[in-house]
Amino acid sequence: MLLPMPRAEVDRVCLQVHVALDAMRRGRGNVNAAQTLCQVMILTGLLAEAGYGDATFEQMRDAESILSAAFDRGRDSAVWALDEEGFRQFATIAATYDYQMQRAPLAAIADASDRLERFRAGESFEQVARKRA
């Protein structure tokens, strides 16, 4: 678990992110594309927190705001899209995620994924952090 993910798996996972990002950029996204970007945003932040890649609190906060607006717009008008600034923010996150998937040990990725799943199941990030301690 100290080695990174196999390259073929990294390519498969990262391609899904880039397809979702491209669909959102072209205004042809959907709830699944937005959810993919949301999960990647969180995983990128968790992996950066663990020391793999760079992501600032401000960057994640801004991305969360951009994605929240995209979810609102998608629900209200069925247009699932990112504007140019939103695309740039998420392109940076996707590039960081690509780097993390290529470099971070599988154990770090598994831990971040587990934390994301517990958060999705309703635990707060504080509860998830306490369980790690």
C-alpha atoms as a PDB file:
ATOM      1  CA  MET A   1       0.000   0.000   0.000  1.00  0.00           C
ATOM      2  CA  LEU A   2       3.065   2.261  -0.087  1.00  0.00           C
ATOM      3  CA  LEU A   3       3.128   2.297  -3.880  1.00  0.00           C
ATOM      4  CA  PRO A   4       0.880   4.550  -5.954  1.00  0.00           C
ATOM      5  CA  MET A   5      -2.080   3.187  -7.892  1.00  0.00           C
ATOM      6  CA  PRO A   6      -1.294   1.289 -11.107  1.00  0.00           C
ATOM      7  CA  ARG A   7      -1.026   3.678 -14.054  1.00  0.00           C
ATOM      8  CA  ALA A   8      -3.957   2.141 -15.975  1.00  0.00           C
ATOM      9  CA  GLU A   9      -6.244   2.653 -12.964  1.00  0.00           C
ATOM     10  CA  VAL A  10      -5.004   6.232 -12.504  1.00  0.00           C
ATOM     11  CA  ASP A  11      -5.737   6.950 -16.159  1.00  0.00           C
ATOM     12  CA  ARG A  12      -9.242   5.459 -15.886  1.00  0.00           C
ATOM     13  CA  VAL A  13     -10.130   7.408 -12.742  1.00  0.00           C
ATOM     14  CA  CYS A  14      -8.671  10.688 -13.991  1.00  0.00           C
ATOM     15  CA  LEU A  15     -10.378  10.366 -17.372  1.00  0.00           C
ATOM     16  CA  GLN A  16     -13.767  10.272 -15.626  1.00  0.00           C
ATOM     17  CA  VAL A  17     -12.919  13.557 -13.922  1.00  0.00           C
ATOM     18  CA  HIS A  18     -11.809  15.234 -17.136  1.00  0.00           C
ATOM     19  CA  VAL A  19     -14.920  14.039 -18.985  1.00  0.00           C
ATOM     20  CA  ALA A  20     -17.121  15.474 -16.212  1.00  0.00           C
ATOM     21  CA  LEU A  21     -15.184  18.746 -16.241  1.00  0.00           C
ATOM     22  CA  ASP A  22     -15.434  19.043 -20.024  1.00  0.00           C
ATOM     23  CA  ALA A  23     -19.182  18.370 -19.963  1.00  0.00           C
ATOM     24  CA  MET A  24     -19.684  21.057 -17.311  1.00  0.00           C
ATOM     25  CA  ARG A  25     -17.549  23.498 -19.299  1.00  0.00           C
ATOM     26  CA  ARG A  26     -19.640  22.964 -22.431  1.00  0.00           C
ATOM     27  CA  GLY A  27     -22.936  23.312 -20.544  1.00  0.00           C
ATOM     28  CA  ARG A  28     -23.729  19.656 -21.166  1.00  0.00           C
ATOM     29  CA  GLY A  29     -23.130  18.390 -17.663  1.00  0.00           C
ATOM     30  CA  ASN A  30     -25.590  16.667 -15.375  1.00  0.00           C
ATOM     31  CA  VAL A  31     -25.945  15.905 -11.701  1.00  0.00           C
ATOM     32  CA  ASN A  32     -23.454  13.017 -12.013  1.00  0.00           C
ATOM     33  CA  ALA A  33     -20.790  15.279 -13.542  1.00  0.00           C
ATOM     34  CA  ALA A  34     -21.305  17.834 -10.772  1.00  0.00           C
ATOM     35  CA  GLN A  35     -21.121  15.102  -8.120  1.00  0.00           C
ATOM     36  CA  THR A  36     -17.898  13.800  -9.657  1.00  0.00           C
ATOM     37  CA  LEU A  37     -16.348  17.272  -9.419  1.00  0.00           C
ATOM     38  CA  CYS A  38     -17.574  17.609  -5.840  1.00  0.00           C
ATOM     39  CA  GLN A  39     -15.995  14.300  -4.824  1.00  0.00           C
ATOM     40  CA  VAL A  40     -12.732  15.191  -6.557  1.00  0.00           C
ATOM     41  CA  MET A  41     -12.685  18.573  -4.832  1.00  0.00           C
ATOM     42  CA  ILE A  42     -13.028  16.889  -1.432  1.00  0.00           C
ATOM     43  CA  LEU A  43     -10.510  14.120  -2.181  1.00  0.00           C
ATOM     44  CA  THR A  44      -8.012  16.684  -3.481  1.00  0.00           C
ATOM     45  CA  GLY A  45      -8.357  18.664  -0.262  1.00  0.00           C
ATOM     46  CA  LEU A  46      -7.992  15.568   1.913  1.00  0.00           C
ATOM     47  CA  LEU A  47      -4.931  14.338   0.030  1.00  0.00           C
ATOM     48  CA  ALA A  48      -3.352  17.803   0.141  1.00  0.00           C
ATOM     49  CA  GLU A  49      -4.020  17.870   3.882  1.00  0.00           C
ATOM     50  CA  ALA A  50      -2.154  14.541   4.091  1.00  0.00           C
ATOM     51  CA  GLY A  51       0.830  16.101   2.310  1.00  0.00           C
ATOM     52  CA  TYR A  52       0.209  15.088  -1.295  1.00  0.00           C
ATOM     53  CA  GLY A  53      -0.121  18.075  -3.605  1.00  0.00           C
ATOM     54  CA  ASP A  54      -1.076  21.665  -2.968  1.00  0.00           C
ATOM     55  CA  ALA A  55      -4.574  22.923  -2.286  1.00  0.00           C
ATOM     56  CA  THR A  56      -5.368  25.922  -0.126  1.00  0.00           C
ATOM     57  CA  PHE A  57      -8.379  26.426   2.092  1.00  0.00           C
ATOM     58  CA  GLU A  58      -9.327  29.448  -0.003  1.00  0.00           C
ATOM     59  CA  GLN A  59      -9.114  27.437  -3.224  1.00  0.00           C
ATOM     60  CA  MET A  60     -11.396  24.747  -1.808  1.00  0.00           C
ATOM     61  CA  ARG A  61     -13.807  27.319  -0.358  1.00  0.00           C
ATOM     62  CA  ASP A  62     -14.050  29.110  -3.716  1.00  0.00           C
ATOM     63  CA  ALA A  63     -14.521  25.810  -5.557  1.00  0.00           C
ATOM     64  CA  GLU A  64     -17.265  24.805  -3.127  1.00  0.00           C
ATOM     65  CA  SER A  65     -19.061  28.089  -3.792  1.00  0.00           C
ATOM     66  CA  ILE A  66     -18.729  27.638  -7.571  1.00  0.00           C
ATOM     67  CA  LEU A  67     -20.061  24.095  -7.387  1.00  0.00           C
ATOM     68  CA  SER A  68     -22.903  25.064  -5.072  1.00  0.00           C
ATOM     69  CA  ALA A  69     -24.018  27.644  -7.652  1.00  0.00           C
ATOM     70  CA  ALA A  70     -23.759  24.999 -10.396  1.00  0.00           C
ATOM     71  CA  PHE A  71     -25.957  22.609  -8.376  1.00  0.00           C
ATOM     72  CA  ASP A  72     -28.521  25.372  -7.771  1.00  0.00           C
ATOM     73  CA  ARG A  73     -28.555  26.330 -11.445  1.00  0.00           C
ATOM     74  CA  GLY A  74     -28.790  22.692 -12.514  1.00  0.00           C
ATOM     75  CA  ARG A  75     -31.736  21.984 -10.229  1.00  0.00           C
ATOM     76  CA  ASP A  76     -33.527  25.215 -11.175  1.00  0.00           C
ATOM     77  CA  SER A  77     -32.952  25.296 -14.931  1.00  0.00           C
ATOM     78  CA  ALA A  78     -31.574  21.857 -15.872  1.00  0.00           C
ATOM     79  CA  VAL A  79     -28.425  23.604 -17.156  1.00  0.00           C
ATOM     80  CA  TRP A  80     -25.436  21.907 -15.568  1.00  0.00           C
ATOM     81  CA  ALA A  81     -22.459  24.114 -16.360  1.00  0.00           C
ATOM     82  CA  LEU A  82     -19.427  25.978 -15.094  1.00  0.00           C
ATOM     83  CA  ASP A  83     -18.569  29.458 -16.292  1.00  0.00           C
ATOM     84  CA  GLU A  84     -15.026  30.170 -17.467  1.00  0.00           C
ATOM     85  CA  GLU A  85     -13.776  31.082 -13.978  1.00  0.00           C
ATOM     86  CA  GLY A  86     -15.397  27.977 -12.509  1.00  0.00           C
ATOM     87  CA  PHE A  87     -13.811  25.873 -15.210  1.00  0.00           C
ATOM     88  CA  ARG A  88     -10.369  27.360 -14.452  1.00  0.00           C
ATOM     89  CA  GLN A  89     -10.785  26.647 -10.732  1.00  0.00           C
ATOM     90  CA  PHE A  90     -11.766  23.042 -11.367  1.00  0.00           C
ATOM     91  CA  ALA A  91      -9.131  22.541 -14.067  1.00  0.00           C
ATOM     92  CA  THR A  92      -6.545  23.395 -11.400  1.00  0.00           C
ATOM     93  CA  ILE A  93      -8.168  20.967  -8.974  1.00  0.00           C
ATOM     94  CA  ALA A  94      -8.284  18.253 -11.665  1.00  0.00           C
ATOM     95  CA  ALA A  95      -4.583  18.774 -12.430  1.00  0.00           C
ATOM     96  CA  THR A  96      -3.753  18.499  -8.722  1.00  0.00           C
ATOM     97  CA  TYR A  97      -5.901  15.372  -8.475  1.00  0.00           C
ATOM     98  CA  ASP A  98      -4.086  13.851 -11.472  1.00  0.00           C
ATOM     99  CA  TYR A  99      -0.765  14.509  -9.731  1.00  0.00           C
ATOM    100  CA  GLN A 100      -2.044  13.052  -6.461  1.00  0.00           C
ATOM    101  CA  MET A 101      -3.340   9.888  -8.114  1.00  0.00           C
ATOM    102  CA  GLN A 102       0.034   9.361  -9.793  1.00  0.00           C
ATOM    103  CA  ARG A 103       2.149  10.051  -6.712  1.00  0.00           C
ATOM    104  CA  ALA A 104       0.267   9.385  -3.476  1.00  0.00           C
ATOM    105  CA  PRO A 105       0.582   5.924  -1.943  1.00  0.00           C
ATOM    106  CA  LEU A 106      -2.472   3.736  -2.353  1.00  0.00           C
ATOM    107  CA  ALA A 107      -2.917   3.764   1.438  1.00  0.00           C
ATOM    108  CA  ALA A 108      -3.285   7.574   1.461  1.00  0.00           C
ATOM    109  CA  ILE A 109      -5.811   7.431  -1.385  1.00  0.00           C
ATOM    110  CA  ALA A 110      -7.751   4.669   0.387  1.00  0.00           C
ATOM    111  CA  ASP A 111      -7.794   6.678   3.628  1.00  0.00           C
ATOM    112  CA  ALA A 112      -9.027   9.827   1.854  1.00  0.00           C
ATOM    113  CA  SER A 113     -11.675   7.792   0.009  1.00  0.00           C
ATOM    114  CA  ASP A 114     -12.819   6.220   3.280  1.00  0.00           C
ATOM    115  CA  ARG A 115     -13.112   9.662   4.875  1.00  0.00           C
ATOM    116  CA  LEU A 116     -15.139  10.881   1.894  1.00  0.00           C
ATOM    117  CA  GLU A 117     -17.501   7.890   2.139  1.00  0.00           C
ATOM    118  CA  ARG A 118     -18.053   8.457   5.865  1.00  0.00           C
ATOM    119  CA  PHE A 119     -18.765  12.126   5.163  1.00  0.00           C
ATOM    120  CA  ARG A 120     -21.230  11.121   2.430  1.00  0.00           C
ATOM    121  CA  ALA A 121     -22.890   8.776   4.940  1.00  0.00           C
ATOM    122  CA  GLY A 122     -23.643  11.746   7.159  1.00  0.00           C
ATOM    123  CA  GLU A 123     -20.668  12.115   9.458  1.00  0.00           C
ATOM    124  CA  SER A 124     -19.186  15.573   9.821  1.00  0.00           C
ATOM    125  CA  PHE A 125     -15.554  16.143   8.919  1.00  0.00           C
ATOM    126  CA  GLU A 126     -14.929  16.670  12.654  1.00  0.00           C
ATOM    127  CA  GLN A 127     -16.332  13.195  13.435  1.00  0.00           C
ATOM    128  CA  VAL A 128     -14.254  11.681  10.647  1.00  0.00           C
ATOM    129  CA  ALA A 129     -11.125  13.439  11.935  1.00  0.00           C
ATOM    130  CA  ARG A 130     -11.763  12.239  15.515  1.00  0.00           C
ATOM    131  CA  LYS A 131     -12.033   8.630  14.345  1.00  0.00           C
ATOM    132  CA  ARG A 132      -8.622   8.951  12.685  1.00  0.00           C
ATOM    133  CA  ALA A 133      -6.983  10.199  15.898  1.00  0.00           C
END
